[in-house]
Amino acid sequence: YSTLLTPYIREPVECFSDARVTDLALCFGTQTSKTTCVMIGAAWRMCNNPFPTLWVMPPESMARSFSENRWQPMVQDCRPLNALKPYNTNRFKALEQQFRDATLTFVGSNSPSSLASRPAGLLVMDETDKFAEATEKESSAVALAENRTKSYTNALRVKTSTPTVPDGEIWSAFMAGDQRYFFVPCPH
């Protein structure tokens, strides 16, 4: 993968290999490669620093579609990652993929039981501003998912979204971080 056309994703992708980074908030505009950035980072982790991975998207149907139409074709095209797939195809499904050293599970934020049942050393939360919110019976989807990383001292929690409102999940996460921006140099 080349970042020639998207140089602003180079630093976020590199965060996947930096053990000092525990939380990454990608507050990007629509269709600006934020999910591609996370796909590349997650693929790197699966190959080089594997942990059980939980990938959360707003509804499960979106997670399934993403897995089948974007993630799995990338796995097929990425020789090192493809080599980690199991020989038994029953262990590599749309929502649960058992690689050699780690399992990747895709879930919807609208399923508290799916969020609460799997530990994760890598947590990807894509489009957090569209996640299920807290109810009288359950914490928010973000809180439930983040609790899955408690047993890993070196977990990486990644949030991505296009911001929607000032008190939305992604803007709050971005403001709580070091608020890095990518500046395009002005040619003179």
N, C-alpha and C. Protein backbone atom coordinates (compact mmCIF):
# COMPACT_ATOMS: atom_id res chain seq x y z
N TYR A 1 0.85 -1.18 0.00
CA TYR A 1 0.00 0.00 0.00
C TYR A 1 0.89 1.24 0.00
N SER A 2 0.52 2.20 -0.78
CA SER A 2 1.27 3.44 -0.85
C SER A 2 0.43 4.58 -0.30
N THR A 3 1.06 5.46 0.46
CA THR A 3 0.35 6.63 0.98
C THR A 3 0.63 7.86 0.12
N LEU A 4 1.09 7.65 -1.08
CA LEU A 4 1.41 8.77 -1.96
C LEU A 4 0.22 9.71 -2.16
N LEU A 5 -0.97 9.15 -2.36
CA LEU A 5 -2.16 9.98 -2.56
C LEU A 5 -2.84 10.37 -1.26
N THR A 6 -2.49 9.69 -0.18
CA THR A 6 -3.11 9.96 1.12
C THR A 6 -2.01 10.05 2.20
N PRO A 7 -1.12 11.03 2.11
CA PRO A 7 0.00 11.09 3.07
C PRO A 7 -0.46 11.31 4.51
N TYR A 8 -1.66 11.80 4.70
CA TYR A 8 -2.16 12.07 6.05
C TYR A 8 -2.48 10.79 6.82
N ILE A 9 -2.53 9.63 6.17
CA ILE A 9 -2.79 8.40 6.93
C ILE A 9 -1.50 7.70 7.35
N ARG A 10 -0.35 8.19 6.89
CA ARG A 10 0.93 7.55 7.22
C ARG A 10 1.14 7.49 8.74
N GLU A 11 1.00 8.61 9.42
CA GLU A 11 1.24 8.61 10.87
C GLU A 11 0.23 7.74 11.63
N PRO A 12 -1.07 7.84 11.33
CA PRO A 12 -1.99 6.93 12.03
C PRO A 12 -1.70 5.45 11.79
N VAL A 13 -1.30 5.09 10.57
CA VAL A 13 -0.96 3.69 10.30
C VAL A 13 0.25 3.28 11.14
N GLU A 14 1.23 4.15 11.25
CA GLU A 14 2.42 3.84 12.05
C GLU A 14 2.10 3.67 13.53
N CYS A 15 1.01 4.27 13.99
CA CYS A 15 0.61 4.11 15.41
C CYS A 15 0.30 2.66 15.75
N PHE A 16 -0.10 1.85 14.78
CA PHE A 16 -0.40 0.44 15.03
C PHE A 16 0.84 -0.34 15.43
N SER A 17 2.02 0.17 15.11
CA SER A 17 3.26 -0.53 15.48
C SER A 17 3.98 0.14 16.66
N ASP A 18 3.40 1.18 17.20
CA ASP A 18 4.02 1.92 18.29
C ASP A 18 3.40 1.48 19.62
N ALA A 19 4.15 0.75 20.43
CA ALA A 19 3.63 0.22 21.68
C ALA A 19 3.23 1.31 22.67
N ARG A 20 3.71 2.53 22.47
CA ARG A 20 3.35 3.63 23.38
C ARG A 20 1.94 4.14 23.12
N VAL A 21 1.38 3.84 21.96
CA VAL A 21 0.04 4.31 21.60
C VAL A 21 -0.99 3.31 22.12
N THR A 22 -1.89 3.79 22.96
CA THR A 22 -2.95 2.92 23.49
C THR A 22 -4.33 3.30 22.96
N ASP A 23 -4.48 4.55 22.56
CA ASP A 23 -5.77 5.02 22.05
C ASP A 23 -5.51 5.89 20.82
N LEU A 24 -6.29 5.63 19.78
CA LEU A 24 -6.14 6.35 18.53
C LEU A 24 -7.52 6.79 18.07
N ALA A 25 -7.72 8.10 17.95
CA ALA A 25 -9.00 8.66 17.51
C ALA A 25 -8.80 9.30 16.13
N LEU A 26 -9.42 8.73 15.12
CA LEU A 26 -9.32 9.25 13.76
C LEU A 26 -10.60 9.99 13.42
N CYS A 27 -10.54 11.28 13.54
CA CYS A 27 -11.67 12.17 13.27
C CYS A 27 -11.46 12.74 11.87
N PHE A 28 -11.98 12.04 10.87
CA PHE A 28 -11.75 12.37 9.47
C PHE A 28 -13.08 12.72 8.80
N GLY A 29 -12.99 13.44 7.70
CA GLY A 29 -14.17 13.69 6.87
C GLY A 29 -14.60 12.40 6.17
N THR A 30 -15.75 12.44 5.53
CA THR A 30 -16.24 11.26 4.83
C THR A 30 -15.37 10.93 3.63
N GLN A 31 -15.21 9.64 3.39
CA GLN A 31 -14.48 9.12 2.22
C GLN A 31 -13.06 9.68 2.11
N THR A 32 -12.33 9.69 3.24
CA THR A 32 -10.97 10.20 3.25
C THR A 32 -9.96 9.14 3.71
N SER A 33 -10.29 7.88 3.56
CA SER A 33 -9.39 6.74 3.82
C SER A 33 -9.24 6.36 5.28
N LYS A 34 -10.14 6.79 6.16
CA LYS A 34 -9.97 6.41 7.57
C LYS A 34 -10.14 4.91 7.77
N THR A 35 -11.11 4.29 7.10
CA THR A 35 -11.29 2.84 7.25
C THR A 35 -10.14 2.10 6.58
N THR A 36 -9.67 2.58 5.45
CA THR A 36 -8.51 1.97 4.79
C THR A 36 -7.30 2.02 5.71
N CYS A 37 -7.11 3.13 6.38
CA CYS A 37 -6.03 3.29 7.34
C CYS A 37 -6.11 2.20 8.41
N VAL A 38 -7.29 1.98 8.94
CA VAL A 38 -7.47 1.00 10.00
C VAL A 38 -7.30 -0.43 9.46
N MET A 39 -7.75 -0.66 8.24
CA MET A 39 -7.56 -1.98 7.63
C MET A 39 -6.07 -2.31 7.52
N ILE A 40 -5.29 -1.35 7.06
CA ILE A 40 -3.85 -1.56 6.91
C ILE A 40 -3.21 -1.81 8.27
N GLY A 41 -3.58 -0.99 9.25
CA GLY A 41 -3.03 -1.16 10.60
C GLY A 41 -3.41 -2.49 11.21
N ALA A 42 -4.65 -2.89 11.07
CA ALA A 42 -5.09 -4.18 11.62
C ALA A 42 -4.39 -5.34 10.91
N ALA A 43 -4.21 -5.23 9.60
CA ALA A 43 -3.50 -6.28 8.86
C ALA A 43 -2.05 -6.39 9.37
N TRP A 44 -1.41 -5.24 9.58
CA TRP A 44 -0.04 -5.26 10.10
C TRP A 44 0.00 -5.95 11.45
N ARG A 45 -0.94 -5.60 12.33
CA ARG A 45 -0.98 -6.21 13.67
C ARG A 45 -1.19 -7.72 13.58
N MET A 46 -2.10 -8.16 12.70
CA MET A 46 -2.35 -9.61 12.57
C MET A 46 -1.08 -10.35 12.16
N CYS A 47 -0.27 -9.71 11.32
CA CYS A 47 0.96 -10.35 10.83
C CYS A 47 2.13 -10.21 11.79
N ASN A 48 2.23 -9.11 12.51
CA ASN A 48 3.43 -8.80 13.28
C ASN A 48 3.27 -8.75 14.79
N ASN A 49 2.08 -8.49 15.27
CA ASN A 49 1.83 -8.37 16.71
C ASN A 49 0.39 -8.81 16.97
N PRO A 50 0.11 -10.10 16.74
CA PRO A 50 -1.28 -10.56 16.78
C PRO A 50 -1.88 -10.62 18.18
N PHE A 51 -3.09 -10.15 18.27
CA PHE A 51 -3.92 -10.22 19.47
C PHE A 51 -5.34 -10.53 19.02
N PRO A 52 -6.16 -11.09 19.90
CA PRO A 52 -7.57 -11.18 19.55
C PRO A 52 -8.07 -9.78 19.20
N THR A 53 -8.79 -9.69 18.10
CA THR A 53 -9.23 -8.39 17.59
C THR A 53 -10.73 -8.35 17.50
N LEU A 54 -11.29 -7.25 17.97
CA LEU A 54 -12.73 -7.01 17.90
C LEU A 54 -12.94 -5.77 17.04
N TRP A 55 -13.71 -5.93 15.96
CA TRP A 55 -13.98 -4.83 15.03
C TRP A 55 -15.47 -4.53 15.14
N VAL A 56 -15.81 -3.35 15.63
CA VAL A 56 -17.20 -2.97 15.88
C VAL A 56 -17.64 -1.94 14.85
N MET A 57 -18.80 -2.19 14.27
CA MET A 57 -19.40 -1.24 13.32
C MET A 57 -20.83 -0.98 13.81
N PRO A 58 -21.48 0.08 13.31
CA PRO A 58 -22.80 0.42 13.87
C PRO A 58 -23.78 -0.76 13.93
N PRO A 59 -24.27 -1.32 12.83
CA PRO A 59 -25.08 -2.53 12.97
C PRO A 59 -24.29 -3.74 12.45
N GLU A 60 -24.68 -4.91 12.85
CA GLU A 60 -24.02 -6.14 12.42
C GLU A 60 -24.08 -6.29 10.89
N SER A 61 -25.17 -5.87 10.28
CA SER A 61 -25.28 -6.02 8.82
C SER A 61 -24.17 -5.24 8.11
N MET A 62 -23.79 -4.09 8.64
CA MET A 62 -22.70 -3.30 8.07
C MET A 62 -21.37 -4.02 8.28
N ALA A 63 -21.20 -4.62 9.46
CA ALA A 63 -19.97 -5.36 9.75
C ALA A 63 -19.83 -6.54 8.80
N ARG A 64 -20.90 -7.26 8.56
CA ARG A 64 -20.87 -8.41 7.64
C ARG A 64 -20.52 -7.95 6.22
N SER A 65 -21.19 -6.91 5.76
CA SER A 65 -20.94 -6.40 4.42
C SER A 65 -19.50 -5.92 4.27
N PHE A 66 -19.01 -5.20 5.27
CA PHE A 66 -17.63 -4.73 5.25
C PHE A 66 -16.67 -5.91 5.19
N SER A 67 -16.88 -6.91 6.02
CA SER A 67 -16.02 -8.08 6.05
C SER A 67 -15.98 -8.76 4.68
N GLU A 68 -17.14 -8.97 4.11
CA GLU A 68 -17.23 -9.71 2.85
C GLU A 68 -16.73 -8.90 1.65
N ASN A 69 -16.99 -7.60 1.63
CA ASN A 69 -16.71 -6.80 0.43
C ASN A 69 -15.43 -5.97 0.47
N ARG A 70 -14.89 -5.74 1.67
CA ARG A 70 -13.66 -4.94 1.75
C ARG A 70 -12.53 -5.69 2.46
N TRP A 71 -12.81 -6.23 3.66
CA TRP A 71 -11.75 -6.87 4.43
C TRP A 71 -11.27 -8.16 3.78
N GLN A 72 -12.17 -9.08 3.46
CA GLN A 72 -11.75 -10.37 2.92
C GLN A 72 -11.01 -10.24 1.58
N PRO A 73 -11.44 -9.35 0.67
CA PRO A 73 -10.64 -9.17 -0.55
C PRO A 73 -9.23 -8.65 -0.25
N MET A 74 -9.10 -7.78 0.77
CA MET A 74 -7.77 -7.31 1.14
C MET A 74 -6.93 -8.45 1.70
N VAL A 75 -7.54 -9.30 2.54
CA VAL A 75 -6.82 -10.45 3.08
C VAL A 75 -6.33 -11.34 1.94
N GLN A 76 -7.18 -11.56 0.97
CA GLN A 76 -6.82 -12.40 -0.18
C GLN A 76 -5.64 -11.81 -0.96
N ASP A 77 -5.61 -10.48 -1.09
CA ASP A 77 -4.57 -9.81 -1.86
C ASP A 77 -3.28 -9.56 -1.08
N CYS A 78 -3.33 -9.67 0.24
CA CYS A 78 -2.16 -9.42 1.09
C CYS A 78 -1.50 -10.77 1.39
N ARG A 79 -0.42 -11.08 0.68
CA ARG A 79 0.23 -12.39 0.80
C ARG A 79 0.56 -12.78 2.24
N PRO A 80 1.20 -11.89 3.05
CA PRO A 80 1.52 -12.31 4.43
C PRO A 80 0.27 -12.60 5.28
N LEU A 81 -0.77 -11.81 5.11
CA LEU A 81 -1.98 -12.04 5.89
C LEU A 81 -2.73 -13.26 5.38
N ASN A 82 -2.79 -13.44 4.08
CA ASN A 82 -3.45 -14.60 3.50
C ASN A 82 -2.81 -15.91 3.96
N ALA A 83 -1.49 -15.87 4.17
CA ALA A 83 -0.77 -17.06 4.63
C ALA A 83 -1.15 -17.46 6.05
N LEU A 84 -1.77 -16.55 6.81
CA LEU A 84 -2.18 -16.83 8.19
C LEU A 84 -3.58 -17.40 8.29
N LYS A 85 -4.29 -17.45 7.17
CA LYS A 85 -5.65 -18.01 7.18
C LYS A 85 -5.60 -19.51 7.45
N PRO A 86 -6.62 -20.04 8.10
CA PRO A 86 -6.64 -21.47 8.38
C PRO A 86 -6.93 -22.28 7.12
N TYR A 87 -6.44 -23.50 7.10
CA TYR A 87 -6.75 -24.40 5.98
C TYR A 87 -8.22 -24.78 6.00
N ASN A 88 -8.78 -24.92 7.20
CA ASN A 88 -10.19 -25.27 7.36
C ASN A 88 -11.04 -24.01 7.12
N THR A 89 -11.73 -23.96 6.00
CA THR A 89 -12.50 -22.77 5.65
C THR A 89 -13.65 -22.49 6.61
N ASN A 90 -14.05 -23.47 7.40
CA ASN A 90 -15.10 -23.25 8.40
C ASN A 90 -14.62 -22.35 9.54
N ARG A 91 -13.33 -22.14 9.64
CA ARG A 91 -12.77 -21.30 10.69
C ARG A 91 -12.53 -19.87 10.21
N PHE A 92 -12.96 -19.58 8.97
CA PHE A 92 -12.79 -18.25 8.40
C PHE A 92 -14.12 -17.84 7.78
N LYS A 93 -14.93 -17.19 8.59
CA LYS A 93 -16.28 -16.82 8.16
C LYS A 93 -16.40 -15.30 8.07
N ALA A 94 -17.55 -14.83 7.72
CA ALA A 94 -17.76 -13.39 7.58
C ALA A 94 -17.54 -12.65 8.89
N LEU A 95 -18.09 -13.16 9.99
CA LEU A 95 -18.03 -12.42 11.25
C LEU A 95 -16.98 -12.93 12.23
N GLU A 96 -16.44 -14.10 12.01
CA GLU A 96 -15.37 -14.60 12.87
C GLU A 96 -14.32 -15.28 12.02
N GLN A 97 -13.09 -14.74 12.10
CA GLN A 97 -11.99 -15.24 11.28
C GLN A 97 -10.83 -15.64 12.16
N GLN A 98 -10.52 -16.92 12.15
CA GLN A 98 -9.45 -17.44 12.99
C GLN A 98 -8.16 -17.52 12.18
N PHE A 99 -7.29 -16.54 12.38
CA PHE A 99 -5.98 -16.56 11.77
C PHE A 99 -5.07 -17.45 12.60
N ARG A 100 -3.84 -17.65 12.18
CA ARG A 100 -2.96 -18.59 12.87
C ARG A 100 -2.78 -18.24 14.35
N ASP A 101 -2.54 -16.96 14.68
CA ASP A 101 -2.22 -16.59 16.06
C ASP A 101 -3.27 -15.72 16.75
N ALA A 102 -4.33 -15.39 16.06
CA ALA A 102 -5.36 -14.52 16.66
C ALA A 102 -6.66 -14.65 15.89
N THR A 103 -7.73 -14.32 16.57
CA THR A 103 -9.06 -14.33 15.95
C THR A 103 -9.54 -12.90 15.78
N LEU A 104 -10.13 -12.64 14.64
CA LEU A 104 -10.75 -11.35 14.35
C LEU A 104 -12.25 -11.56 14.33
N THR A 105 -12.96 -10.78 15.14
CA THR A 105 -14.41 -10.89 15.23
C THR A 105 -15.04 -9.55 14.86
N PHE A 106 -15.99 -9.59 13.94
CA PHE A 106 -16.75 -8.40 13.55
C PHE A 106 -18.10 -8.45 14.27
N VAL A 107 -18.49 -7.34 14.88
CA VAL A 107 -19.78 -7.27 15.57
C VAL A 107 -20.45 -5.93 15.30
N GLY A 108 -21.74 -5.89 15.56
CA GLY A 108 -22.48 -4.64 15.47
C GLY A 108 -22.61 -4.01 16.84
N SER A 109 -22.60 -2.68 16.88
CA SER A 109 -22.71 -1.98 18.17
C SER A 109 -24.09 -2.17 18.79
N ASN A 110 -25.03 -2.67 18.00
CA ASN A 110 -26.40 -2.87 18.48
C ASN A 110 -26.59 -4.22 19.15
N SER A 111 -25.51 -4.96 19.40
CA SER A 111 -25.61 -6.27 20.04
C SER A 111 -24.77 -6.29 21.31
N PRO A 112 -25.35 -5.90 22.45
CA PRO A 112 -24.58 -5.89 23.70
C PRO A 112 -23.95 -7.23 24.04
N SER A 113 -24.64 -8.34 23.74
CA SER A 113 -24.08 -9.64 24.08
C SER A 113 -22.82 -9.94 23.25
N SER A 114 -22.80 -9.53 21.99
CA SER A 114 -21.60 -9.72 21.16
C SER A 114 -20.45 -8.86 21.65
N LEU A 115 -20.76 -7.66 22.10
CA LEU A 115 -19.73 -6.75 22.59
C LEU A 115 -19.15 -7.22 23.92
N ALA A 116 -19.95 -7.86 24.72
CA ALA A 116 -19.55 -8.20 26.08
C ALA A 116 -18.89 -9.57 26.21
N SER A 117 -18.76 -10.31 25.12
CA SER A 117 -18.32 -11.70 25.28
C SER A 117 -16.92 -12.01 24.78
N ARG A 118 -16.18 -11.03 24.29
CA ARG A 118 -14.89 -11.34 23.69
C ARG A 118 -13.79 -10.39 24.18
N PRO A 119 -12.69 -10.94 24.73
CA PRO A 119 -11.56 -10.07 25.08
C PRO A 119 -10.84 -9.64 23.80
N ALA A 120 -10.21 -8.48 23.83
CA ALA A 120 -9.53 -7.98 22.64
C ALA A 120 -8.28 -7.19 22.99
N GLY A 121 -7.19 -7.51 22.35
CA GLY A 121 -5.96 -6.74 22.48
C GLY A 121 -5.91 -5.62 21.45
N LEU A 122 -6.71 -5.77 20.39
CA LEU A 122 -6.90 -4.71 19.40
C LEU A 122 -8.39 -4.52 19.24
N LEU A 123 -8.83 -3.31 19.48
CA LEU A 123 -10.24 -2.95 19.37
C LEU A 123 -10.38 -1.87 18.32
N VAL A 124 -11.15 -2.15 17.28
CA VAL A 124 -11.42 -1.18 16.23
C VAL A 124 -12.90 -0.82 16.31
N MET A 125 -13.18 0.45 16.48
CA MET A 125 -14.57 0.94 16.54
C MET A 125 -14.74 1.92 15.39
N ASP A 126 -15.41 1.47 14.34
CA ASP A 126 -15.53 2.24 13.10
C ASP A 126 -16.89 2.93 13.03
N GLU A 127 -16.87 4.23 12.79
CA GLU A 127 -18.07 5.09 12.74
C GLU A 127 -18.76 5.16 14.11
N THR A 128 -17.99 5.53 15.13
CA THR A 128 -18.49 5.55 16.51
C THR A 128 -19.66 6.49 16.72
N ASP A 129 -19.77 7.56 15.94
CA ASP A 129 -20.88 8.49 16.14
C ASP A 129 -22.23 7.89 15.72
N LYS A 130 -22.20 6.71 15.13
CA LYS A 130 -23.43 6.02 14.75
C LYS A 130 -23.70 4.80 15.64
N PHE A 131 -22.91 4.63 16.71
CA PHE A 131 -23.05 3.48 17.60
C PHE A 131 -24.28 3.60 18.49
N ALA A 132 -24.71 2.45 18.99
CA ALA A 132 -25.81 2.40 19.94
C ALA A 132 -25.39 3.12 21.23
N GLU A 133 -26.30 3.92 21.76
CA GLU A 133 -26.01 4.67 22.99
C GLU A 133 -26.44 3.88 24.21
N ALA A 134 -26.07 4.37 25.37
CA ALA A 134 -26.44 3.72 26.62
C ALA A 134 -27.95 3.70 26.80
N THR A 135 -28.43 2.65 27.45
CA THR A 135 -29.85 2.53 27.79
C THR A 135 -29.94 2.34 29.30
N GLU A 136 -31.16 2.17 29.80
CA GLU A 136 -31.32 1.92 31.24
C GLU A 136 -30.68 0.60 31.65
N LYS A 137 -30.60 -0.37 30.71
CA LYS A 137 -30.07 -1.69 31.03
C LYS A 137 -28.61 -1.89 30.64
N GLU A 138 -28.09 -1.11 29.69
CA GLU A 138 -26.75 -1.35 29.17
C GLU A 138 -25.94 -0.05 29.08
N SER A 139 -24.64 -0.21 29.21
CA SER A 139 -23.73 0.91 28.95
C SER A 139 -23.72 1.18 27.46
N SER A 140 -23.08 2.25 27.05
CA SER A 140 -22.97 2.53 25.61
C SER A 140 -22.13 1.45 24.94
N ALA A 141 -22.30 1.33 23.63
CA ALA A 141 -21.54 0.33 22.87
C ALA A 141 -20.04 0.59 23.01
N VAL A 142 -19.63 1.85 23.01
CA VAL A 142 -18.21 2.18 23.15
C VAL A 142 -17.69 1.70 24.51
N ALA A 143 -18.43 1.96 25.57
CA ALA A 143 -17.99 1.54 26.91
C ALA A 143 -17.93 0.01 27.01
N LEU A 144 -18.93 -0.68 26.46
CA LEU A 144 -18.93 -2.14 26.48
C LEU A 144 -17.71 -2.68 25.72
N ALA A 145 -17.45 -2.11 24.55
CA ALA A 145 -16.32 -2.58 23.75
C ALA A 145 -14.99 -2.29 24.43
N GLU A 146 -14.84 -1.10 24.97
CA GLU A 146 -13.57 -0.75 25.63
C GLU A 146 -13.29 -1.65 26.83
N ASN A 147 -14.33 -2.11 27.49
CA ASN A 147 -14.13 -3.03 28.62
C ASN A 147 -13.51 -4.35 28.18
N ARG A 148 -13.61 -4.69 26.91
CA ARG A 148 -13.05 -5.94 26.38
C ARG A 148 -11.52 -5.91 26.36
N THR A 149 -10.93 -4.73 26.50
CA THR A 149 -9.47 -4.61 26.43
C THR A 149 -8.80 -4.62 27.81
N LYS A 150 -9.56 -4.72 28.87
CA LYS A 150 -9.02 -4.61 30.24
C LYS A 150 -7.93 -5.62 30.57
N SER A 151 -8.00 -6.82 30.02
CA SER A 151 -7.01 -7.84 30.39
C SER A 151 -5.71 -7.75 29.59
N TYR A 152 -5.59 -6.75 28.75
CA TYR A 152 -4.38 -6.55 27.95
C TYR A 152 -3.70 -5.24 28.36
N THR A 153 -2.50 -5.33 28.88
CA THR A 153 -1.80 -4.11 29.31
C THR A 153 -1.34 -3.27 28.11
N ASN A 154 -1.20 -3.88 26.98
CA ASN A 154 -0.72 -3.17 25.79
C ASN A 154 -1.79 -3.14 24.68
N ALA A 155 -3.04 -3.06 25.08
CA ALA A 155 -4.13 -3.03 24.09
C ALA A 155 -4.09 -1.72 23.31
N LEU A 156 -4.60 -1.79 22.09
CA LEU A 156 -4.78 -0.61 21.27
C LEU A 156 -6.26 -0.46 20.98
N ARG A 157 -6.81 0.70 21.33
CA ARG A 157 -8.21 1.02 21.09
C ARG A 157 -8.27 2.10 20.02
N VAL A 158 -8.93 1.78 18.91
CA VAL A 158 -8.99 2.69 17.76
C VAL A 158 -10.45 3.10 17.54
N LYS A 159 -10.67 4.41 17.48
CA LYS A 159 -11.99 4.95 17.17
C LYS A 159 -11.88 5.74 15.88
N THR A 160 -12.83 5.51 14.98
CA THR A 160 -12.89 6.31 13.77
C THR A 160 -14.31 6.78 13.57
N SER A 161 -14.44 7.95 12.99
CA SER A 161 -15.76 8.43 12.60
C SER A 161 -15.62 9.78 11.92
N THR A 162 -16.62 10.10 11.16
CA THR A 162 -16.79 11.46 10.69
C THR A 162 -17.54 12.16 11.81
N PRO A 163 -17.09 13.33 12.26
CA PRO A 163 -17.78 13.99 13.38
C PRO A 163 -19.19 14.41 12.98
N THR A 164 -20.08 14.29 13.95
CA THR A 164 -21.48 14.66 13.70
C THR A 164 -21.91 15.86 14.53
N VAL A 165 -21.68 15.80 15.83
CA VAL A 165 -22.07 16.88 16.75
C VAL A 165 -20.92 17.16 17.71
N PRO A 166 -20.86 18.35 18.29
CA PRO A 166 -19.73 18.70 19.17
C PRO A 166 -19.55 17.77 20.37
N ASP A 167 -20.61 17.17 20.88
CA ASP A 167 -20.44 16.26 22.01
C ASP A 167 -20.49 14.80 21.58
N GLY A 168 -20.30 14.54 20.28
CA GLY A 168 -20.29 13.17 19.76
C GLY A 168 -19.07 12.40 20.23
N GLU A 169 -19.12 11.10 20.09
CA GLU A 169 -18.07 10.20 20.57
C GLU A 169 -16.72 10.52 19.94
N ILE A 170 -16.65 10.70 18.63
CA ILE A 170 -15.35 10.88 17.99
C ILE A 170 -14.75 12.25 18.30
N TRP A 171 -15.58 13.27 18.32
CA TRP A 171 -15.04 14.60 18.63
C TRP A 171 -14.55 14.64 20.08
N SER A 172 -15.28 14.02 20.98
CA SER A 172 -14.85 13.96 22.39
C SER A 172 -13.53 13.21 22.51
N ALA A 173 -13.38 12.10 21.78
CA ALA A 173 -12.14 11.32 21.83
C ALA A 173 -10.99 12.13 21.22
N PHE A 174 -11.26 12.81 20.13
CA PHE A 174 -10.23 13.64 19.50
C PHE A 174 -9.79 14.76 20.44
N MET A 175 -10.71 15.42 21.09
CA MET A 175 -10.39 16.51 22.01
C MET A 175 -9.65 16.01 23.25
N ALA A 176 -9.88 14.76 23.64
CA ALA A 176 -9.19 14.19 24.81
C ALA A 176 -7.75 13.78 24.48
N GLY A 177 -7.43 13.69 23.19
CA GLY A 177 -6.08 13.30 22.77
C GLY A 177 -5.18 14.49 22.53
N ASP A 178 -4.13 14.29 21.76
CA ASP A 178 -3.20 15.39 21.51
C ASP A 178 -3.58 16.22 20.28
N GLN A 179 -4.70 15.93 19.67
CA GLN A 179 -5.33 16.76 18.62
C GLN A 179 -4.38 17.07 17.47
N ARG A 180 -3.87 16.03 16.84
CA ARG A 180 -2.96 16.22 15.71
C ARG A 180 -3.74 16.51 14.44
N TYR A 181 -3.21 17.40 13.66
CA TYR A 181 -3.79 17.77 12.37
C TYR A 181 -2.75 17.52 11.29
N PHE A 182 -3.21 17.30 10.07
CA PHE A 182 -2.32 17.20 8.94
C PHE A 182 -2.44 18.49 8.14
N PHE A 183 -1.32 19.15 7.94
CA PHE A 183 -1.32 20.41 7.21
C PHE A 183 -0.71 20.20 5.83
N VAL A 184 -1.39 20.70 4.83
CA VAL A 184 -0.91 20.59 3.46
C VAL A 184 -0.04 21.82 3.19
N PRO A 185 1.21 21.58 2.78
CA PRO A 185 2.08 22.73 2.53
C PRO A 185 1.56 23.56 1.35
N CYS A 186 1.71 24.84 1.46
CA CYS A 186 1.29 25.76 0.41
C CYS A 186 2.44 25.94 -0.57
N PRO A 187 2.24 25.57 -1.84
CA PRO A 187 3.35 25.71 -2.80
C PRO A 187 3.59 27.18 -3.13
N HIS A 188 4.83 27.58 -3.04
CA HIS A 188 5.20 28.97 -3.39
C HIS A 188 6.35 28.96 -4.37
